Amino acid sequence: MNATAKTSNMFDVLKWMLIVILFGGGLAVNYYYSHIPLPIRMIAWIVLFAVLLAIAAWTAKGKIAAEFLAEARNELRRVVWPTKQETIQTTTIVVVMVVTAGLVLWGLDSVLMLFVSWLTR
């Protein structure tokens, strides 16, 4: 490992430690100020979460995650989504098959129950 990679790795470790410390501090503050109304504490958590994400985005793993999310978003744009008619047809087929399977299982259960009750008489 060269000196630059070692320094970068050390800074990443420090950033992750800062994230853990800030999160733990957030938990402690949330517990200590439990008398503050919940909406205000939720806003504070959202702000803290945004700060934690920003710090995490500056790490090597955070950059990889950000790149992955960008690629996933591009992939979502390339997907050919089904039309409304295709969606309705597929949903109808699924509902019909579920109802049919349910009726078949109900019938099989009824026949088996009759058979078991006949055997136990």
PDB file of N, CA and C in Angstrom:
ATOM      1  N   MET A   1       0.853  -1.165   0.000  1.00  0.00           N
ATOM      2  CA  MET A   1       0.000   0.000   0.000  1.00  0.00           C
ATOM      3  C   MET A   1       0.903   1.233   0.000  1.00  0.00           C
ATOM      4  N   ASN A   2       0.623   2.171  -0.874  1.00  0.00           N
ATOM      5  CA  ASN A   2       1.446   3.378  -0.885  1.00  0.00           C
ATOM      6  C   ASN A   2       0.939   4.378   0.145  1.00  0.00           C
ATOM      7  N   ALA A   3       1.688   5.467   0.306  1.00  0.00           N
ATOM      8  CA  ALA A   3       1.373   6.444   1.358  1.00  0.00           C
ATOM      9  C   ALA A   3       0.042   7.134   1.116  1.00  0.00           C
ATOM     10  N   THR A   4      -0.286   7.405  -0.142  1.00  0.00           N
ATOM     11  CA  THR A   4      -1.552   8.082  -0.455  1.00  0.00           C
ATOM     12  C   THR A   4      -2.742   7.198  -0.104  1.00  0.00           C
ATOM     13  N   ALA A   5      -2.648   5.915  -0.451  1.00  0.00           N
ATOM     14  CA  ALA A   5      -3.737   4.991  -0.147  1.00  0.00           C
ATOM     15  C   ALA A   5      -3.886   4.811   1.359  1.00  0.00           C
ATOM     16  N   LYS A   6      -2.753   4.770   2.074  1.00  0.00           N
ATOM     17  CA  LYS A   6      -2.806   4.624   3.525  1.00  0.00           C
ATOM     18  C   LYS A   6      -3.481   5.830   4.169  1.00  0.00           C
ATOM     19  N   THR A   7      -3.111   7.027   3.698  1.00  0.00           N
ATOM     20  CA  THR A   7      -3.703   8.252   4.232  1.00  0.00           C
ATOM     21  C   THR A   7      -5.190   8.301   3.930  1.00  0.00           C
ATOM     22  N   SER A   8      -5.552   7.937   2.694  1.00  0.00           N
ATOM     23  CA  SER A   8      -6.964   7.935   2.306  1.00  0.00           C
ATOM     24  C   SER A   8      -7.751   6.947   3.153  1.00  0.00           C
ATOM     25  N   ASN A   9      -7.174   5.758   3.368  1.00  0.00           N
ATOM     26  CA  ASN A   9      -7.836   4.745   4.180  1.00  0.00           C
ATOM     27  C   ASN A   9      -7.998   5.231   5.616  1.00  0.00           C
ATOM     28  N   MET A  10      -6.976   5.911   6.143  1.00  0.00           N
ATOM     29  CA  MET A  10      -7.048   6.417   7.507  1.00  0.00           C
ATOM     30  C   MET A  10      -8.136   7.490   7.620  1.00  0.00           C
ATOM     31  N   PHE A  11      -8.228   8.369   6.619  1.00  0.00           N
ATOM     32  CA  PHE A  11      -9.273   9.390   6.638  1.00  0.00           C
ATOM     33  C   PHE A  11     -10.661   8.753   6.537  1.00  0.00           C
ATOM     34  N   ASP A  12     -10.773   7.681   5.743  1.00  0.00           N
ATOM     35  CA  ASP A  12     -12.056   6.976   5.651  1.00  0.00           C
ATOM     36  C   ASP A  12     -12.449   6.390   7.003  1.00  0.00           C
ATOM     37  N   VAL A  13     -11.487   5.794   7.685  1.00  0.00           N
ATOM     38  CA  VAL A  13     -11.770   5.229   9.011  1.00  0.00           C
ATOM     39  C   VAL A  13     -12.205   6.333   9.963  1.00  0.00           C
ATOM     40  N   LEU A  14     -11.531   7.474   9.909  1.00  0.00           N
ATOM     41  CA  LEU A  14     -11.914   8.595  10.769  1.00  0.00           C
ATOM     42  C   LEU A  14     -13.321   9.094  10.440  1.00  0.00           C
ATOM     43  N   LYS A  15     -13.652   9.125   9.161  1.00  0.00           N
ATOM     44  CA  LYS A  15     -14.995   9.572   8.763  1.00  0.00           C
ATOM     45  C   LYS A  15     -16.059   8.599   9.269  1.00  0.00           C
ATOM     46  N   TRP A  16     -15.786   7.291   9.162  1.00  0.00           N
ATOM     47  CA  TRP A  16     -16.757   6.313   9.652  1.00  0.00           C
ATOM     48  C   TRP A  16     -16.880   6.388  11.171  1.00  0.00           C
ATOM     49  N   MET A  17     -15.771   6.644  11.846  1.00  0.00           N
ATOM     50  CA  MET A  17     -15.834   6.811  13.301  1.00  0.00           C
ATOM     51  C   MET A  17     -16.655   8.048  13.655  1.00  0.00           C
ATOM     52  N   LEU A  18     -16.483   9.123  12.888  1.00  0.00           N
ATOM     53  CA  LEU A  18     -17.270  10.335  13.111  1.00  0.00           C
ATOM     54  C   LEU A  18     -18.752  10.054  12.902  1.00  0.00           C
ATOM     55  N   ILE A  19     -19.077   9.260  11.889  1.00  0.00           N
ATOM     56  CA  ILE A  19     -20.474   8.900  11.629  1.00  0.00           C
ATOM     57  C   ILE A  19     -21.050   8.141  12.822  1.00  0.00           C
ATOM     58  N   VAL A  20     -20.304   7.162  13.325  1.00  0.00           N
ATOM     59  CA  VAL A  20     -20.780   6.375  14.469  1.00  0.00           C
ATOM     60  C   VAL A  20     -20.944   7.259  15.700  1.00  0.00           C
ATOM     61  N   ILE A  21     -19.977   8.150  15.931  1.00  0.00           N
ATOM     62  CA  ILE A  21     -20.057   9.039  17.093  1.00  0.00           C
ATOM     63  C   ILE A  21     -21.256   9.975  16.971  1.00  0.00           C
ATOM     64  N   LEU A  22     -21.460  10.555  15.784  1.00  0.00           N
ATOM     65  CA  LEU A  22     -22.604  11.456  15.592  1.00  0.00           C
ATOM     66  C   LEU A  22     -23.929  10.715  15.756  1.00  0.00           C
ATOM     67  N   PHE A  23     -24.001   9.489  15.238  1.00  0.00           N
ATOM     68  CA  PHE A  23     -25.230   8.709  15.379  1.00  0.00           C
ATOM     69  C   PHE A  23     -25.486   8.381  16.849  1.00  0.00           C
ATOM     70  N   GLY A  24     -24.435   7.957  17.545  1.00  0.00           N
ATOM     71  CA  GLY A  24     -24.578   7.687  18.980  1.00  0.00           C
ATOM     72  C   GLY A  24     -24.965   8.937  19.744  1.00  0.00           C
ATOM     73  N   GLY A  25     -24.375  10.067  19.370  1.00  0.00           N
ATOM     74  CA  GLY A  25     -24.760  11.329  19.990  1.00  0.00           C
ATOM     75  C   GLY A  25     -26.208  11.668  19.712  1.00  0.00           C
ATOM     76  N   GLY A  26     -26.654  11.379  18.505  1.00  0.00           N
ATOM     77  CA  GLY A  26     -28.061  11.608  18.168  1.00  0.00           C
ATOM     78  C   GLY A  26     -28.986  10.764  19.018  1.00  0.00           C
ATOM     79  N   LEU A  27     -28.598   9.513  19.249  1.00  0.00           N
ATOM     80  CA  LEU A  27     -29.405   8.648  20.114  1.00  0.00           C
ATOM     81  C   LEU A  27     -29.452   9.184  21.538  1.00  0.00           C
ATOM     82  N   ALA A  28     -28.292   9.609  22.035  1.00  0.00           N
ATOM     83  CA  ALA A  28     -28.234  10.135  23.403  1.00  0.00           C
ATOM     84  C   ALA A  28     -29.057  11.413  23.537  1.00  0.00           C
ATOM     85  N   VAL A  29     -28.928  12.313  22.571  1.00  0.00           N
ATOM     86  CA  VAL A  29     -29.686  13.567  22.609  1.00  0.00           C
ATOM     87  C   VAL A  29     -31.182  13.283  22.500  1.00  0.00           C
ATOM     88  N   ASN A  30     -31.544  12.334  21.651  1.00  0.00           N
ATOM     89  CA  ASN A  30     -32.955  11.977  21.502  1.00  0.00           C
ATOM     90  C   ASN A  30     -33.514  11.437  22.819  1.00  0.00           C
ATOM     91  N   TYR A  31     -32.731  10.636  23.517  1.00  0.00           N
ATOM     92  CA  TYR A  31     -33.169  10.095  24.802  1.00  0.00           C
ATOM     93  C   TYR A  31     -33.246  11.195  25.856  1.00  0.00           C
ATOM     94  N   TYR A  32     -32.232  12.048  25.903  1.00  0.00           N
ATOM     95  CA  TYR A  32     -32.174  13.095  26.923  1.00  0.00           C
ATOM     96  C   TYR A  32     -33.291  14.117  26.726  1.00  0.00           C
ATOM     97  N   TYR A  33     -33.583  14.455  25.483  1.00  0.00           N
ATOM     98  CA  TYR A  33     -34.619  15.451  25.195  1.00  0.00           C
ATOM     99  C   TYR A  33     -35.932  14.777  24.774  1.00  0.00           C
ATOM    100  N   SER A  34     -36.295  13.719  25.443  1.00  0.00           N
ATOM    101  CA  SER A  34     -37.522  12.998  25.082  1.00  0.00           C
ATOM    102  C   SER A  34     -38.777  13.819  25.358  1.00  0.00           C
ATOM    103  N   HIS A  35     -38.664  14.875  26.150  1.00  0.00           N
ATOM    104  CA  HIS A  35     -39.823  15.729  26.435  1.00  0.00           C
ATOM    105  C   HIS A  35     -40.116  16.696  25.282  1.00  0.00           C
ATOM    106  N   ILE A  36     -39.183  16.855  24.348  1.00  0.00           N
ATOM    107  CA  ILE A  36     -39.401  17.706  23.170  1.00  0.00           C
ATOM    108  C   ILE A  36     -40.403  16.988  22.263  1.00  0.00           C
ATOM    109  N   PRO A  37     -41.332  17.718  21.641  1.00  0.00           N
ATOM    110  CA  PRO A  37     -42.323  17.067  20.769  1.00  0.00           C
ATOM    111  C   PRO A  37     -41.666  16.233  19.658  1.00  0.00           C
ATOM    112  N   LEU A  38     -42.324  15.136  19.351  1.00  0.00           N
ATOM    113  CA  LEU A  38     -41.788  14.181  18.381  1.00  0.00           C
ATOM    114  C   LEU A  38     -41.520  14.799  17.009  1.00  0.00           C
ATOM    115  N   PRO A  39     -42.403  15.641  16.452  1.00  0.00           N
ATOM    116  CA  PRO A  39     -42.105  16.199  15.125  1.00  0.00           C
ATOM    117  C   PRO A  39     -40.785  16.979  15.081  1.00  0.00           C
ATOM    118  N   ILE A  40     -40.471  17.694  16.145  1.00  0.00           N
ATOM    119  CA  ILE A  40     -39.214  18.445  16.178  1.00  0.00           C
ATOM    120  C   ILE A  40     -38.031  17.482  16.220  1.00  0.00           C
ATOM    121  N   ARG A  41     -38.159  16.425  17.025  1.00  0.00           N
ATOM    122  CA  ARG A  41     -37.074  15.440  17.089  1.00  0.00           C
ATOM    123  C   ARG A  41     -36.917  14.715  15.758  1.00  0.00           C
ATOM    124  N   MET A  42     -38.028  14.467  15.055  1.00  0.00           N
ATOM    125  CA  MET A  42     -37.943  13.813  13.745  1.00  0.00           C
ATOM    126  C   MET A  42     -37.225  14.701  12.737  1.00  0.00           C
ATOM    127  N   ILE A  43     -37.499  15.994  12.774  1.00  0.00           N
ATOM    128  CA  ILE A  43     -36.795  16.923  11.884  1.00  0.00           C
ATOM    129  C   ILE A  43     -35.297  16.897  12.193  1.00  0.00           C
ATOM    130  N   ALA A  44     -34.961  16.870  13.475  1.00  0.00           N
ATOM    131  CA  ALA A  44     -33.549  16.799  13.863  1.00  0.00           C
ATOM    132  C   ALA A  44     -32.913  15.510  13.348  1.00  0.00           C
ATOM    133  N   TRP A  45     -33.646  14.392  13.422  1.00  0.00           N
ATOM    134  CA  TRP A  45     -33.119  13.121  12.913  1.00  0.00           C
ATOM    135  C   TRP A  45     -32.913  13.171  11.404  1.00  0.00           C
ATOM    136  N   ILE A  46     -33.837  13.805  10.696  1.00  0.00           N
ATOM    137  CA  ILE A  46     -33.694  13.908   9.241  1.00  0.00           C
ATOM    138  C   ILE A  46     -32.462  14.734   8.890  1.00  0.00           C
ATOM    139  N   VAL A  47     -32.266  15.844   9.610  1.00  0.00           N
ATOM    140  CA  VAL A  47     -31.079  16.676   9.374  1.00  0.00           C
ATOM    141  C   VAL A  47     -29.812  15.889   9.696  1.00  0.00           C
ATOM    142  N   LEU A  48     -29.807  15.189  10.834  1.00  0.00           N
ATOM    143  CA  LEU A  48     -28.640  14.391  11.211  1.00  0.00           C
ATOM    144  C   LEU A  48     -28.369  13.309  10.176  1.00  0.00           C
ATOM    145  N   PHE A  49     -29.422  12.661   9.697  1.00  0.00           N
ATOM    146  CA  PHE A  49     -29.265  11.613   8.695  1.00  0.00           C
ATOM    147  C   PHE A  49     -28.673  12.183   7.409  1.00  0.00           C
ATOM    148  N   ALA A  50     -29.109  13.386   7.011  1.00  0.00           N
ATOM    149  CA  ALA A  50     -28.556  14.026   5.816  1.00  0.00           C
ATOM    150  C   ALA A  50     -27.070  14.330   6.004  1.00  0.00           C
ATOM    151  N   VAL A  51     -26.703  14.795   7.192  1.00  0.00           N
ATOM    152  CA  VAL A  51     -25.287  15.075   7.480  1.00  0.00           C
ATOM    153  C   VAL A  51     -24.480  13.779   7.450  1.00  0.00           C
ATOM    154  N   LEU A  52     -25.023  12.720   8.035  1.00  0.00           N
ATOM    155  CA  LEU A  52     -24.322  11.433   8.043  1.00  0.00           C
ATOM    156  C   LEU A  52     -24.145  10.893   6.627  1.00  0.00           C
ATOM    157  N   LEU A  53     -25.164  11.045   5.798  1.00  0.00           N
ATOM    158  CA  LEU A  53     -25.046  10.604   4.404  1.00  0.00           C
ATOM    159  C   LEU A  53     -24.008  11.422   3.656  1.00  0.00           C
ATOM    160  N   ALA A  54     -23.966  12.719   3.923  1.00  0.00           N
ATOM    161  CA  ALA A  54     -22.975  13.569   3.261  1.00  0.00           C
ATOM    162  C   ALA A  54     -21.562  13.160   3.658  1.00  0.00           C
ATOM    163  N   ILE A  55     -21.356  12.883   4.933  1.00  0.00           N
ATOM    164  CA  ILE A  55     -20.028  12.446   5.381  1.00  0.00           C
ATOM    165  C   ILE A  55     -19.691  11.094   4.764  1.00  0.00           C
ATOM    166  N   ALA A  56     -20.659  10.185   4.742  1.00  0.00           N
ATOM    167  CA  ALA A  56     -20.418   8.853   4.176  1.00  0.00           C
ATOM    168  C   ALA A  56     -20.129   8.933   2.683  1.00  0.00           C
ATOM    169  N   ALA A  57     -20.728   9.900   1.995  1.00  0.00           N
ATOM    170  CA  ALA A  57     -20.505  10.034   0.554  1.00  0.00           C
ATOM    171  C   ALA A  57     -19.071  10.444   0.242  1.00  0.00           C
ATOM    172  N   TRP A  58     -18.364  11.004   1.200  1.00  0.00           N
ATOM    173  CA  TRP A  58     -16.974  11.413   0.987  1.00  0.00           C
ATOM    174  C   TRP A  58     -15.991  10.272   1.181  1.00  0.00           C
ATOM    175  N   THR A  59     -16.464   9.112   1.618  1.00  0.00           N
ATOM    176  CA  THR A  59     -15.571   7.968   1.800  1.00  0.00           C
ATOM    177  C   THR A  59     -15.481   7.181   0.500  1.00  0.00           C
ATOM    178  N   ALA A  60     -14.523   6.262   0.435  1.00  0.00           N
ATOM    179  CA  ALA A  60     -14.367   5.438  -0.767  1.00  0.00           C
ATOM    180  C   ALA A  60     -15.606   4.574  -0.983  1.00  0.00           C
ATOM    181  N   LYS A  61     -16.105   3.966   0.085  1.00  0.00           N
ATOM    182  CA  LYS A  61     -17.317   3.139  -0.031  1.00  0.00           C
ATOM    183  C   LYS A  61     -18.517   3.994  -0.415  1.00  0.00           C
ATOM    184  N   GLY A  62     -18.573   5.208   0.111  1.00  0.00           N
ATOM    185  CA  GLY A  62     -19.674   6.109  -0.225  1.00  0.00           C
ATOM    186  C   GLY A  62     -19.663   6.494  -1.688  1.00  0.00           C
ATOM    187  N   LYS A  63     -18.471   6.708  -2.243  1.00  0.00           N
ATOM    188  CA  LYS A  63     -18.368   7.036  -3.668  1.00  0.00           C
ATOM    189  C   LYS A  63     -18.814   5.854  -4.524  1.00  0.00           C
ATOM    190  N   ILE A  64     -18.456   4.653  -4.090  1.00  0.00           N
ATOM    191  CA  ILE A  64     -18.895   3.452  -4.813  1.00  0.00           C
ATOM    192  C   ILE A  64     -20.417   3.338  -4.754  1.00  0.00           C
ATOM    193  N   ALA A  65     -20.992   3.586  -3.578  1.00  0.00           N
ATOM    194  CA  ALA A  65     -22.450   3.512  -3.425  1.00  0.00           C
ATOM    195  C   ALA A  65     -23.139   4.573  -4.274  1.00  0.00           C
ATOM    196  N   ALA A  66     -22.584   5.780  -4.315  1.00  0.00           N
ATOM    197  CA  ALA A  66     -23.180   6.849  -5.127  1.00  0.00           C
ATOM    198  C   ALA A  66     -23.119   6.498  -6.605  1.00  0.00           C
ATOM    199  N   GLU A  67     -22.013   5.911  -7.029  1.00  0.00           N
ATOM    200  CA  GLU A  67     -21.890   5.490  -8.422  1.00  0.00           C
ATOM    201  C   GLU A  67     -22.901   4.387  -8.740  1.00  0.00           C
ATOM    202  N   PHE A  68     -23.067   3.454  -7.812  1.00  0.00           N
ATOM    203  CA  PHE A  68     -24.047   2.383  -8.001  1.00  0.00           C
ATOM    204  C   PHE A  68     -25.462   2.948  -8.137  1.00  0.00           C
ATOM    205  N   LEU A  69     -25.811   3.904  -7.271  1.00  0.00           N
ATOM    206  CA  LEU A  69     -27.146   4.506  -7.335  1.00  0.00           C
ATOM    207  C   LEU A  69     -27.358   5.254  -8.643  1.00  0.00           C
ATOM    208  N   ALA A  70     -26.326   5.934  -9.128  1.00  0.00           N
ATOM    209  CA  ALA A  70     -26.444   6.639 -10.406  1.00  0.00           C
ATOM    210  C   ALA A  70     -26.653   5.653 -11.547  1.00  0.00           C
ATOM    211  N   GLU A  71     -25.919   4.544 -11.526  1.00  0.00           N
ATOM    212  CA  GLU A  71     -26.091   3.523 -12.559  1.00  0.00           C
ATOM    213  C   GLU A  71     -27.469   2.874 -12.468  1.00  0.00           C
ATOM    214  N   ALA A  72     -27.955   2.649 -11.258  1.00  0.00           N
ATOM    215  CA  ALA A  72     -29.289   2.063 -11.087  1.00  0.00           C
ATOM    216  C   ALA A  72     -30.356   3.006 -11.630  1.00  0.00           C
ATOM    217  N   ARG A  73     -30.180   4.301 -11.394  1.00  0.00           N
ATOM    218  CA  ARG A  73     -31.149   5.277 -11.915  1.00  0.00           C
ATOM    219  C   ARG A  73     -31.137   5.283 -13.441  1.00  0.00           C
ATOM    220  N   ASN A  74     -29.943   5.221 -14.041  1.00  0.00           N
ATOM    221  CA  ASN A  74     -29.860   5.146 -15.503  1.00  0.00           C
ATOM    222  C   ASN A  74     -30.524   3.879 -16.023  1.00  0.00           C
ATOM    223  N   GLU A  75     -30.348   2.793 -15.306  1.00  0.00           N
ATOM    224  CA  GLU A  75     -30.962   1.525 -15.717  1.00  0.00           C
ATOM    225  C   GLU A  75     -32.485   1.614 -15.647  1.00  0.00           C
ATOM    226  N   LEU A  76     -33.004   2.291 -14.623  1.00  0.00           N
ATOM    227  CA  LEU A  76     -34.455   2.468 -14.513  1.00  0.00           C
ATOM    228  C   LEU A  76     -35.013   3.250 -15.689  1.00  0.00           C
ATOM    229  N   ARG A  77     -34.245   4.197 -16.178  1.00  0.00           N
ATOM    230  CA  ARG A  77     -34.696   4.982 -17.333  1.00  0.00           C
ATOM    231  C   ARG A  77     -34.743   4.140 -18.598  1.00  0.00           C
ATOM    232  N   ARG A  78     -33.899   3.103 -18.680  1.00  0.00           N
ATOM    233  CA  ARG A  78     -33.843   2.276 -19.881  1.00  0.00           C
ATOM    234  C   ARG A  78     -34.876   1.155 -19.894  1.00  0.00           C
ATOM    235  N   VAL A  79     -35.506   0.902 -18.767  1.00  0.00           N
ATOM    236  CA  VAL A  79     -36.477  -0.190 -18.686  1.00  0.00           C
ATOM    237  C   VAL A  79     -37.693   0.142 -19.545  1.00  0.00           C
ATOM    238  N   VAL A  80     -38.174  -0.852 -20.268  1.00  0.00           N
ATOM    239  CA  VAL A  80     -39.405  -0.691 -21.043  1.00  0.00           C
ATOM    240  C   VAL A  80     -40.544  -1.151 -20.143  1.00  0.00           C
ATOM    241  N   TRP A  81     -41.294  -0.191 -19.629  1.00  0.00           N
ATOM    242  CA  TRP A  81     -42.367  -0.495 -18.697  1.00  0.00           C
ATOM    243  C   TRP A  81     -43.596  -0.963 -19.468  1.00  0.00           C
ATOM    244  N   PRO A  82     -44.385  -1.890 -18.889  1.00  0.00           N
ATOM    245  CA  PRO A  82     -45.582  -2.379 -19.585  1.00  0.00           C
ATOM    246  C   PRO A  82     -46.646  -1.288 -19.680  1.00  0.00           C
ATOM    247  N   THR A  83     -47.494  -1.456 -20.697  1.00  0.00           N
ATOM    248  CA  THR A  83     -48.597  -0.508 -20.855  1.00  0.00           C
ATOM    249  C   THR A  83     -49.668  -0.818 -19.812  1.00  0.00           C
ATOM    250  N   LYS A  84     -50.640   0.077 -19.707  1.00  0.00           N
ATOM    251  CA  LYS A  84     -51.721  -0.123 -18.742  1.00  0.00           C
ATOM    252  C   LYS A  84     -52.507  -1.385 -19.088  1.00  0.00           C
ATOM    253  N   GLN A  85     -52.749  -1.602 -20.387  1.00  0.00           N
ATOM    254  CA  GLN A  85     -53.510  -2.779 -20.813  1.00  0.00           C
ATOM    255  C   GLN A  85     -52.754  -4.062 -20.458  1.00  0.00           C
ATOM    256  N   GLU A  86     -51.448  -4.106 -20.698  1.00  0.00           N
ATOM    257  CA  GLU A  86     -50.661  -5.292 -20.352  1.00  0.00           C
ATOM    258  C   GLU A  86     -50.672  -5.540 -18.843  1.00  0.00           C
ATOM    259  N   THR A  87     -50.603  -4.476 -18.080  1.00  0.00           N
ATOM    260  CA  THR A  87     -50.625  -4.612 -16.623  1.00  0.00           C
ATOM    261  C   THR A  87     -51.958  -5.168 -16.149  1.00  0.00           C
ATOM    262  N   ILE A  88     -53.055  -4.654 -16.693  1.00  0.00           N
ATOM    263  CA  ILE A  88     -54.390  -5.131 -16.305  1.00  0.00           C
ATOM    264  C   ILE A  88     -54.571  -6.587 -16.709  1.00  0.00           C
ATOM    265  N   GLN A  89     -54.138  -6.953 -17.917  1.00  0.00           N
ATOM    266  CA  GLN A  89     -54.275  -8.338 -18.369  1.00  0.00           C
ATOM    267  C   GLN A  89     -53.472  -9.288 -17.476  1.00  0.00           C
ATOM    268  N   THR A  90     -52.255  -8.922 -17.179  1.00  0.00           N
ATOM    269  CA  THR A  90     -51.417  -9.776 -16.337  1.00  0.00           C
ATOM    270  C   THR A  90     -51.997  -9.902 -14.935  1.00  0.00           C
ATOM    271  N   THR A  91     -52.476  -8.787 -14.391  1.00  0.00           N
ATOM    272  CA  THR A  91     -53.077  -8.817 -13.055  1.00  0.00           C
ATOM    273  C   THR A  91     -54.317  -9.694 -13.047  1.00  0.00           C
ATOM    274  N   THR A  92     -55.134  -9.594 -14.087  1.00  0.00           N
ATOM    275  CA  THR A  92     -56.347 -10.417 -14.186  1.00  0.00           C
ATOM    276  C   THR A  92     -55.987 -11.900 -14.228  1.00  0.00           C
ATOM    277  N   ILE A  93     -54.983 -12.250 -15.008  1.00  0.00           N
ATOM    278  CA  ILE A  93     -54.564 -13.649 -15.102  1.00  0.00           C
ATOM    279  C   ILE A  93     -54.077 -14.151 -13.742  1.00  0.00           C
ATOM    280  N   VAL A  94     -53.306 -13.330 -13.046  1.00  0.00           N
ATOM    281  CA  VAL A  94     -52.800 -13.728 -11.729  1.00  0.00           C
ATOM    282  C   VAL A  94     -53.949 -13.926 -10.751  1.00  0.00           C
ATOM    283  N   VAL A  95     -54.921 -13.008 -10.739  1.00  0.00           N
ATOM    284  CA  VAL A  95     -56.064 -13.125  -9.826  1.00  0.00           C
ATOM    285  C   VAL A  95     -56.865 -14.382 -10.143  1.00  0.00           C
ATOM    286  N   VAL A  96     -57.113 -14.647 -11.421  1.00  0.00           N
ATOM    287  CA  VAL A  96     -57.873 -15.842 -11.812  1.00  0.00           C
ATOM    288  C   VAL A  96     -57.129 -17.105 -11.382  1.00  0.00           C
ATOM    289  N   MET A  97     -55.820 -17.141 -11.571  1.00  0.00           N
ATOM    290  CA  MET A  97     -55.053 -18.326 -11.189  1.00  0.00           C
ATOM    291  C   MET A  97     -55.033 -18.515  -9.670  1.00  0.00           C
ATOM    292  N   VAL A  98     -54.948 -17.426  -8.916  1.00  0.00           N
ATOM    293  CA  VAL A  98     -54.963 -17.534  -7.453  1.00  0.00           C
ATOM    294  C   VAL A  98     -56.312 -18.047  -6.971  1.00  0.00           C
ATOM    295  N   VAL A  99     -57.399 -17.520  -7.536  1.00  0.00           N
ATOM    296  CA  VAL A  99     -58.738 -17.978  -7.149  1.00  0.00           C
ATOM    297  C   VAL A  99     -58.915 -19.444  -7.531  1.00  0.00           C
ATOM    298  N   THR A 100     -58.464 -19.822  -8.720  1.00  0.00           N
ATOM    299  CA  THR A 100     -58.580 -21.212  -9.163  1.00  0.00           C
ATOM    300  C   THR A 100     -57.781 -22.139  -8.243  1.00  0.00           C
ATOM    301  N   ALA A 101     -56.557 -21.762  -7.939  1.00  0.00           N
ATOM    302  CA  ALA A 101     -55.740 -22.590  -7.045  1.00  0.00           C
ATOM    303  C   ALA A 101     -56.381 -22.681  -5.666  1.00  0.00           C
ATOM    304  N   GLY A 102     -56.948 -21.578  -5.179  1.00  0.00           N
ATOM    305  CA  GLY A 102     -57.631 -21.595  -3.884  1.00  0.00           C
ATOM    306  C   GLY A 102     -58.823 -22.531  -3.887  1.00  0.00           C
ATOM    307  N   LEU A 103     -59.613 -22.496  -4.959  1.00  0.00           N
ATOM    308  CA  LEU A 103     -60.777 -23.386  -5.053  1.00  0.00           C
ATOM    309  C   LEU A 103     -60.352 -24.851  -5.137  1.00  0.00           C
ATOM    310  N   VAL A 104     -59.300 -25.130  -5.897  1.00  0.00           N
ATOM    311  CA  VAL A 104     -58.808 -26.505  -6.001  1.00  0.00           C
ATOM    312  C   VAL A 104     -58.328 -26.992  -4.630  1.00  0.00           C
ATOM    313  N   LEU A 105     -57.577 -26.167  -3.926  1.00  0.00           N
ATOM    314  CA  LEU A 105     -57.102 -26.563  -2.598  1.00  0.00           C
ATOM    315  C   LEU A 105     -58.254 -26.721  -1.613  1.00  0.00           C
ATOM    316  N   TRP A 106     -59.250 -25.838  -1.692  1.00  0.00           N
ATOM    317  CA  TRP A 106     -60.418 -25.953  -0.826  1.00  0.00           C
ATOM    318  C   TRP A 106     -61.157 -27.260  -1.106  1.00  0.00           C
ATOM    319  N   GLY A 107     -61.333 -27.594  -2.392  1.00  0.00           N
ATOM    320  CA  GLY A 107     -62.002 -28.839  -2.750  1.00  0.00           C
ATOM    321  C   GLY A 107     -61.219 -30.052  -2.287  1.00  0.00           C
ATOM    322  N   LEU A 108     -59.922 -30.038  -2.491  1.00  0.00           N
ATOM    323  CA  LEU A 108     -59.079 -31.146  -2.055  1.00  0.00           C
ATOM    324  C   LEU A 108     -59.118 -31.286  -0.537  1.00  0.00           C
ATOM    325  N   ASP A 109     -59.089 -30.172   0.173  1.00  0.00           N
ATOM    326  CA  ASP A 109     -59.171 -30.195   1.630  1.00  0.00           C
ATOM    327  C   ASP A 109     -60.507 -30.774   2.082  1.00  0.00           C
ATOM    328  N   SER A 110     -61.587 -30.384   1.418  1.00  0.00           N
ATOM    329  CA  SER A 110     -62.911 -30.897   1.787  1.00  0.00           C
ATOM    330  C   SER A 110     -62.998 -32.400   1.574  1.00  0.00           C
ATOM    331  N   VAL A 111     -62.492 -32.874   0.451  1.00  0.00           N
ATOM    332  CA  VAL A 111     -62.520 -34.310   0.165  1.00  0.00           C
ATOM    333  C   VAL A 111     -61.675 -35.064   1.191  1.00  0.00           C
ATOM    334  N   LEU A 112     -60.500 -34.554   1.499  1.00  0.00           N
ATOM    335  CA  LEU A 112     -59.645 -35.221   2.478  1.00  0.00           C
ATOM    336  C   LEU A 112     -60.271 -35.204   3.869  1.00  0.00           C
ATOM    337  N   MET A 113     -60.938 -34.114   4.236  1.00  0.00           N
ATOM    338  CA  MET A 113     -61.616 -34.049   5.538  1.00  0.00           C
ATOM    339  C   MET A 113     -62.745 -35.078   5.603  1.00  0.00           C
ATOM    340  N   LEU A 114     -63.507 -35.214   4.517  1.00  0.00           N
ATOM    341  CA  LEU A 114     -64.563 -36.229   4.484  1.00  0.00           C
ATOM    342  C   LEU A 114     -63.965 -37.628   4.628  1.00  0.00           C
ATOM    343  N   PHE A 115     -62.867 -37.869   3.923  1.00  0.00           N
ATOM    344  CA  PHE A 115     -62.211 -39.170   3.984  1.00  0.00           C
ATOM    345  C   PHE A 115     -61.692 -39.454   5.396  1.00  0.00           C
ATOM    346  N   VAL A 116     -61.065 -38.477   6.032  1.00  0.00           N
ATOM    347  CA  VAL A 116     -60.539 -38.659   7.387  1.00  0.00           C
ATOM    348  C   VAL A 116     -61.684 -38.856   8.376  1.00  0.00           C
ATOM    349  N   SER A 117     -62.773 -38.092   8.236  1.00  0.00           N
ATOM    350  CA  SER A 117     -63.910 -38.258   9.151  1.00  0.00           C
ATOM    351  C   SER A 117     -64.563 -39.628   8.943  1.00  0.00           C
ATOM    352  N   TRP A 118     -64.584 -40.138   7.713  1.00  0.00           N
ATOM    353  CA  TRP A 118     -65.125 -41.468   7.446  1.00  0.00           C
ATOM    354  C   TRP A 118     -64.234 -42.530   8.096  1.00  0.00           C
ATOM    355  N   LEU A 119     -62.907 -42.340   8.041  1.00  0.00           N
ATOM    356  CA  LEU A 119     -61.984 -43.307   8.633  1.00  0.00           C
ATOM    357  C   LEU A 119     -62.053 -43.313  10.154  1.00  0.00           C
ATOM    358  N   THR A 120     -62.336 -42.188  10.765  1.00  0.00           N
ATOM    359  CA  THR A 120     -62.313 -42.091  12.226  1.00  0.00           C
ATOM    360  C   THR A 120     -63.661 -42.373  12.869  1.00  0.00           C
ATOM    361  N   ARG A 121     -64.659 -42.725  12.124  1.00  0.00           N
ATOM    362  CA  ARG A 121     -65.969 -43.040  12.702  1.00  0.00           C
ATOM    363  C   ARG A 121     -65.983 -44.371  13.361  1.00  0.00           C
TER     364      ARG A 121
END
